Amino acid sequence: MKKLIFSWIICCLAFSVYAQDIPASQVPVGVTKTFKTKFPTAGKVEWEMKGDLYEAEFKVNRVEHKAHFSKDGNLVIYKKDIRQIDLPQGVQNTLRNKYKDYKIDDVEKVVKGKNVYYQVELDGKPDLKLVFTGNGKEDTTQAYW
């Protein structure tokens, strides 16, 4: 029992070191400048450190977004919630044909550089988290974020 409690404490500490909330005043000027340029209508912004990256969690027109920025202010990757109906037809076809026994739980559009991906969380046995290209091909080289 002591080992279980000790393991749980270590896991909690490790997680808290990895992701730490930070006040907006501690975010570098270059990061906030890029953020305001890319997302000028963002509201309810919360900042965290994720390893070496600054993560902004915010809403634009009541839609959840997350964005990662490097220390020098470059936008590395961002994602936003989208509706299932807004998935490209290729992704919808793959889901309908290959995952018909699953229920779609969460859908996000991810932009990384010039590439666009779609993340889909499926409820079923087992639950799945998948990444697709716009043409509906599963992309196992991209980690679900």
C-alpha atoms as a PDB file:
ATOM      1  CA  MET A   1       0.000   0.000   0.000  1.00  0.00           C
ATOM      2  CA  LYS A   2       2.862   2.370   0.811  1.00  0.00           C
ATOM      3  CA  LYS A   3       4.374   1.697  -2.616  1.00  0.00           C
ATOM      4  CA  LEU A   4       1.069   2.553  -4.286  1.00  0.00           C
ATOM      5  CA  ILE A   5       0.743   5.836  -2.404  1.00  0.00           C
ATOM      6  CA  PHE A   6       4.392   6.694  -3.072  1.00  0.00           C
ATOM      7  CA  SER A   7       3.951   5.947  -6.790  1.00  0.00           C
ATOM      8  CA  TRP A   8       0.850   8.138  -6.914  1.00  0.00           C
ATOM      9  CA  ILE A   9       2.708  11.034  -5.264  1.00  0.00           C
ATOM     10  CA  ILE A  10       5.621  10.702  -7.704  1.00  0.00           C
ATOM     11  CA  CYS A  11       3.215  10.739 -10.672  1.00  0.00           C
ATOM     12  CA  CYS A  12       1.477  13.856  -9.385  1.00  0.00           C
ATOM     13  CA  LEU A  13       4.782  15.632  -8.855  1.00  0.00           C
ATOM     14  CA  ALA A  14       6.051  14.651 -12.286  1.00  0.00           C
ATOM     15  CA  PHE A  15       2.885  15.950 -13.930  1.00  0.00           C
ATOM     16  CA  SER A  16       2.995  19.215 -12.028  1.00  0.00           C
ATOM     17  CA  VAL A  17       6.581  19.789 -13.179  1.00  0.00           C
ATOM     18  CA  TYR A  18       5.656  19.155 -16.812  1.00  0.00           C
ATOM     19  CA  ALA A  19       2.677  21.533 -17.012  1.00  0.00           C
ATOM     20  CA  GLN A  20       2.665  24.636 -14.874  1.00  0.00           C
ATOM     21  CA  ASP A  21       0.194  27.509 -14.981  1.00  0.00           C
ATOM     22  CA  ILE A  22       1.895  30.855 -15.358  1.00  0.00           C
ATOM     23  CA  PRO A  23       0.537  34.399 -15.183  1.00  0.00           C
ATOM     24  CA  ALA A  24       0.350  36.349 -18.450  1.00  0.00           C
ATOM     25  CA  SER A  25       2.922  38.774 -17.029  1.00  0.00           C
ATOM     26  CA  GLN A  26       5.555  35.997 -17.157  1.00  0.00           C
ATOM     27  CA  VAL A  27       4.976  35.200 -20.841  1.00  0.00           C
ATOM     28  CA  PRO A  28       7.734  36.705 -23.037  1.00  0.00           C
ATOM     29  CA  VAL A  29       6.786  39.781 -25.066  1.00  0.00           C
ATOM     30  CA  GLY A  30       7.568  37.986 -28.348  1.00  0.00           C
ATOM     31  CA  VAL A  31       5.144  35.205 -27.463  1.00  0.00           C
ATOM     32  CA  THR A  32       2.312  37.559 -26.504  1.00  0.00           C
ATOM     33  CA  LYS A  33       2.921  39.674 -29.611  1.00  0.00           C
ATOM     34  CA  THR A  34       2.643  36.647 -31.908  1.00  0.00           C
ATOM     35  CA  PHE A  35      -0.367  35.407 -29.967  1.00  0.00           C
ATOM     36  CA  LYS A  36      -2.211  38.722 -30.331  1.00  0.00           C
ATOM     37  CA  THR A  37      -1.339  38.872 -34.039  1.00  0.00           C
ATOM     38  CA  LYS A  38      -2.512  35.325 -34.793  1.00  0.00           C
ATOM     39  CA  PHE A  39      -5.546  35.346 -32.488  1.00  0.00           C
ATOM     40  CA  PRO A  40      -6.662  38.993 -32.119  1.00  0.00           C
ATOM     41  CA  THR A  41     -10.167  38.140 -30.884  1.00  0.00           C
ATOM     42  CA  ALA A  42      -9.076  35.561 -28.296  1.00  0.00           C
ATOM     43  CA  GLY A  43     -10.714  35.690 -24.895  1.00  0.00           C
ATOM     44  CA  LYS A  44     -10.280  33.941 -21.547  1.00  0.00           C
ATOM     45  CA  VAL A  45      -6.593  33.180 -22.132  1.00  0.00           C
ATOM     46  CA  GLU A  46      -4.784  30.842 -19.731  1.00  0.00           C
ATOM     47  CA  TRP A  47      -1.054  30.216 -20.026  1.00  0.00           C
ATOM     48  CA  GLU A  48       0.975  27.123 -19.102  1.00  0.00           C
ATOM     49  CA  MET A  49       4.501  25.916 -19.623  1.00  0.00           C
ATOM     50  CA  LYS A  50       4.616  22.592 -21.457  1.00  0.00           C
ATOM     51  CA  GLY A  51       8.254  21.607 -21.390  1.00  0.00           C
ATOM     52  CA  ASP A  52      10.025  24.393 -23.327  1.00  0.00           C
ATOM     53  CA  LEU A  53       6.816  25.657 -24.951  1.00  0.00           C
ATOM     54  CA  TYR A  54       4.285  28.246 -23.869  1.00  0.00           C
ATOM     55  CA  GLU A  55       0.741  26.951 -24.213  1.00  0.00           C
ATOM     56  CA  ALA A  56      -2.189  29.318 -24.521  1.00  0.00           C
ATOM     57  CA  GLU A  57      -5.656  27.916 -23.915  1.00  0.00           C
ATOM     58  CA  PHE A  58      -8.354  30.317 -25.049  1.00  0.00           C
ATOM     59  CA  LYS A  59     -11.643  30.833 -26.834  1.00  0.00           C
ATOM     60  CA  VAL A  60     -12.454  32.565 -30.100  1.00  0.00           C
ATOM     61  CA  ASN A  61     -16.181  33.025 -30.699  1.00  0.00           C
ATOM     62  CA  ARG A  62     -16.874  30.521 -27.895  1.00  0.00           C
ATOM     63  CA  VAL A  63     -14.743  27.850 -29.635  1.00  0.00           C
ATOM     64  CA  GLU A  64     -11.943  26.203 -27.601  1.00  0.00           C
ATOM     65  CA  HIS A  65      -8.400  26.670 -28.951  1.00  0.00           C
ATOM     66  CA  LYS A  66      -4.897  25.738 -27.798  1.00  0.00           C
ATOM     67  CA  ALA A  67      -1.633  27.027 -29.216  1.00  0.00           C
ATOM     68  CA  HIS A  68       2.019  26.274 -28.498  1.00  0.00           C
ATOM     69  CA  PHE A  69       4.708  28.910 -28.911  1.00  0.00           C
ATOM     70  CA  SER A  70       8.493  28.641 -28.729  1.00  0.00           C
ATOM     71  CA  LYS A  71      10.382  30.901 -26.321  1.00  0.00           C
ATOM     72  CA  ASP A  72      11.265  33.239 -29.187  1.00  0.00           C
ATOM     73  CA  GLY A  73       7.609  33.706 -30.121  1.00  0.00           C
ATOM     74  CA  ASN A  74       7.152  31.316 -33.036  1.00  0.00           C
ATOM     75  CA  LEU A  75       3.775  29.605 -33.303  1.00  0.00           C
ATOM     76  CA  VAL A  76       4.644  25.890 -33.322  1.00  0.00           C
ATOM     77  CA  ILE A  77       1.184  24.284 -33.468  1.00  0.00           C
ATOM     78  CA  TYR A  78      -2.416  25.120 -32.672  1.00  0.00           C
ATOM     79  CA  LYS A  79      -5.746  23.360 -32.566  1.00  0.00           C
ATOM     80  CA  LYS A  80      -9.392  24.234 -32.284  1.00  0.00           C
ATOM     81  CA  ASP A  81     -12.595  22.339 -31.695  1.00  0.00           C
ATOM     82  CA  ILE A  82     -14.708  21.788 -34.790  1.00  0.00           C
ATOM     83  CA  ARG A  83     -18.030  20.138 -35.467  1.00  0.00           C
ATOM     84  CA  GLN A  84     -18.151  16.648 -36.945  1.00  0.00           C
ATOM     85  CA  ILE A  85     -19.928  18.019 -40.000  1.00  0.00           C
ATOM     86  CA  ASP A  86     -16.927  20.315 -40.620  1.00  0.00           C
ATOM     87  CA  LEU A  87     -14.535  17.386 -41.090  1.00  0.00           C
ATOM     88  CA  PRO A  88     -13.315  17.001 -44.685  1.00  0.00           C
ATOM     89  CA  GLN A  89     -15.317  14.478 -46.682  1.00  0.00           C
ATOM     90  CA  GLY A  90     -12.340  12.097 -46.843  1.00  0.00           C
ATOM     91  CA  VAL A  91     -12.141  11.919 -43.042  1.00  0.00           C
ATOM     92  CA  GLN A  92     -15.901  11.453 -42.765  1.00  0.00           C
ATOM     93  CA  ASN A  93     -15.742   8.600 -45.295  1.00  0.00           C
ATOM     94  CA  THR A  94     -12.927   6.843 -43.422  1.00  0.00           C
ATOM     95  CA  LEU A  95     -14.795   7.146 -40.129  1.00  0.00           C
ATOM     96  CA  ARG A  96     -18.022   5.862 -41.667  1.00  0.00           C
ATOM     97  CA  ASN A  97     -16.340   2.910 -43.424  1.00  0.00           C
ATOM     98  CA  LYS A  98     -13.663   1.850 -40.947  1.00  0.00           C
ATOM     99  CA  TYR A  99     -15.062   2.927 -37.563  1.00  0.00           C
ATOM    100  CA  LYS A 100     -18.810   2.495 -37.976  1.00  0.00           C
ATOM    101  CA  ASP A 101     -19.118   0.767 -34.571  1.00  0.00           C
ATOM    102  CA  TYR A 102     -17.621   3.786 -32.784  1.00  0.00           C
ATOM    103  CA  LYS A 103     -19.236   6.999 -31.622  1.00  0.00           C
ATOM    104  CA  ILE A 104     -17.426  10.250 -32.380  1.00  0.00           C
ATOM    105  CA  ASP A 105     -16.722  12.055 -29.117  1.00  0.00           C
ATOM    106  CA  ASP A 106     -14.385  14.948 -29.929  1.00  0.00           C
ATOM    107  CA  VAL A 107     -13.150  16.533 -33.176  1.00  0.00           C
ATOM    108  CA  GLU A 108     -10.336  19.060 -33.579  1.00  0.00           C
ATOM    109  CA  LYS A 109      -8.518  20.746 -36.427  1.00  0.00           C
ATOM    110  CA  VAL A 110      -4.739  20.934 -35.883  1.00  0.00           C
ATOM    111  CA  VAL A 111      -2.429  23.268 -37.806  1.00  0.00           C
ATOM    112  CA  LYS A 112       1.301  22.548 -37.663  1.00  0.00           C
ATOM    113  CA  GLY A 113       3.288  24.779 -39.991  1.00  0.00           C
ATOM    114  CA  LYS A 114       1.648  24.468 -43.404  1.00  0.00           C
ATOM    115  CA  ASN A 115       0.095  21.090 -42.579  1.00  0.00           C
ATOM    116  CA  VAL A 116      -3.478  20.586 -41.398  1.00  0.00           C
ATOM    117  CA  TYR A 117      -4.567  17.496 -39.485  1.00  0.00           C
ATOM    118  CA  TYR A 118      -7.808  16.386 -37.887  1.00  0.00           C
ATOM    119  CA  GLN A 119      -7.931  14.686 -34.500  1.00  0.00           C
ATOM    120  CA  VAL A 120     -10.876  12.487 -33.702  1.00  0.00           C
ATOM    121  CA  GLU A 121     -11.621  10.842 -30.376  1.00  0.00           C
ATOM    122  CA  LEU A 122     -13.840   7.777 -30.706  1.00  0.00           C
ATOM    123  CA  ASP A 123     -15.843   6.097 -27.964  1.00  0.00           C
ATOM    124  CA  GLY A 124     -15.974   2.321 -28.262  1.00  0.00           C
ATOM    125  CA  LYS A 125     -14.120  -0.795 -27.263  1.00  0.00           C
ATOM    126  CA  PRO A 126     -11.410   0.322 -26.980  1.00  0.00           C
ATOM    127  CA  ASP A 127     -11.682   4.124 -27.080  1.00  0.00           C
ATOM    128  CA  LEU A 128      -9.471   5.533 -29.836  1.00  0.00           C
ATOM    129  CA  LYS A 129      -7.642   8.786 -30.493  1.00  0.00           C
ATOM    130  CA  LEU A 130      -6.792   9.149 -34.175  1.00  0.00           C
ATOM    131  CA  VAL A 131      -5.098  11.712 -36.413  1.00  0.00           C
ATOM    132  CA  PHE A 132      -6.084  12.121 -40.076  1.00  0.00           C
ATOM    133  CA  THR A 133      -4.873  14.101 -43.046  1.00  0.00           C
ATOM    134  CA  GLY A 134      -7.448  16.116 -44.956  1.00  0.00           C
ATOM    135  CA  ASN A 135      -7.934  13.336 -47.505  1.00  0.00           C
ATOM    136  CA  GLY A 136      -8.997  10.893 -44.785  1.00  0.00           C
ATOM    137  CA  LYS A 137      -5.773   8.927 -44.409  1.00  0.00           C
ATOM    138  CA  GLU A 138      -4.816   8.013 -40.849  1.00  0.00           C
ATOM    139  CA  ASP A 139      -1.487   9.586 -39.973  1.00  0.00           C
ATOM    140  CA  THR A 140       0.288   7.557 -37.323  1.00  0.00           C
ATOM    141  CA  THR A 141       3.395   9.759 -37.589  1.00  0.00           C
ATOM    142  CA  GLN A 142       1.557  12.607 -35.833  1.00  0.00           C
ATOM    143  CA  ALA A 143       0.912  12.262 -32.123  1.00  0.00           C
ATOM    144  CA  TYR A 144      -2.606  12.952 -30.881  1.00  0.00           C
ATOM    145  CA  TRP A 145      -2.467  16.211 -28.945  1.00  0.00           C
END
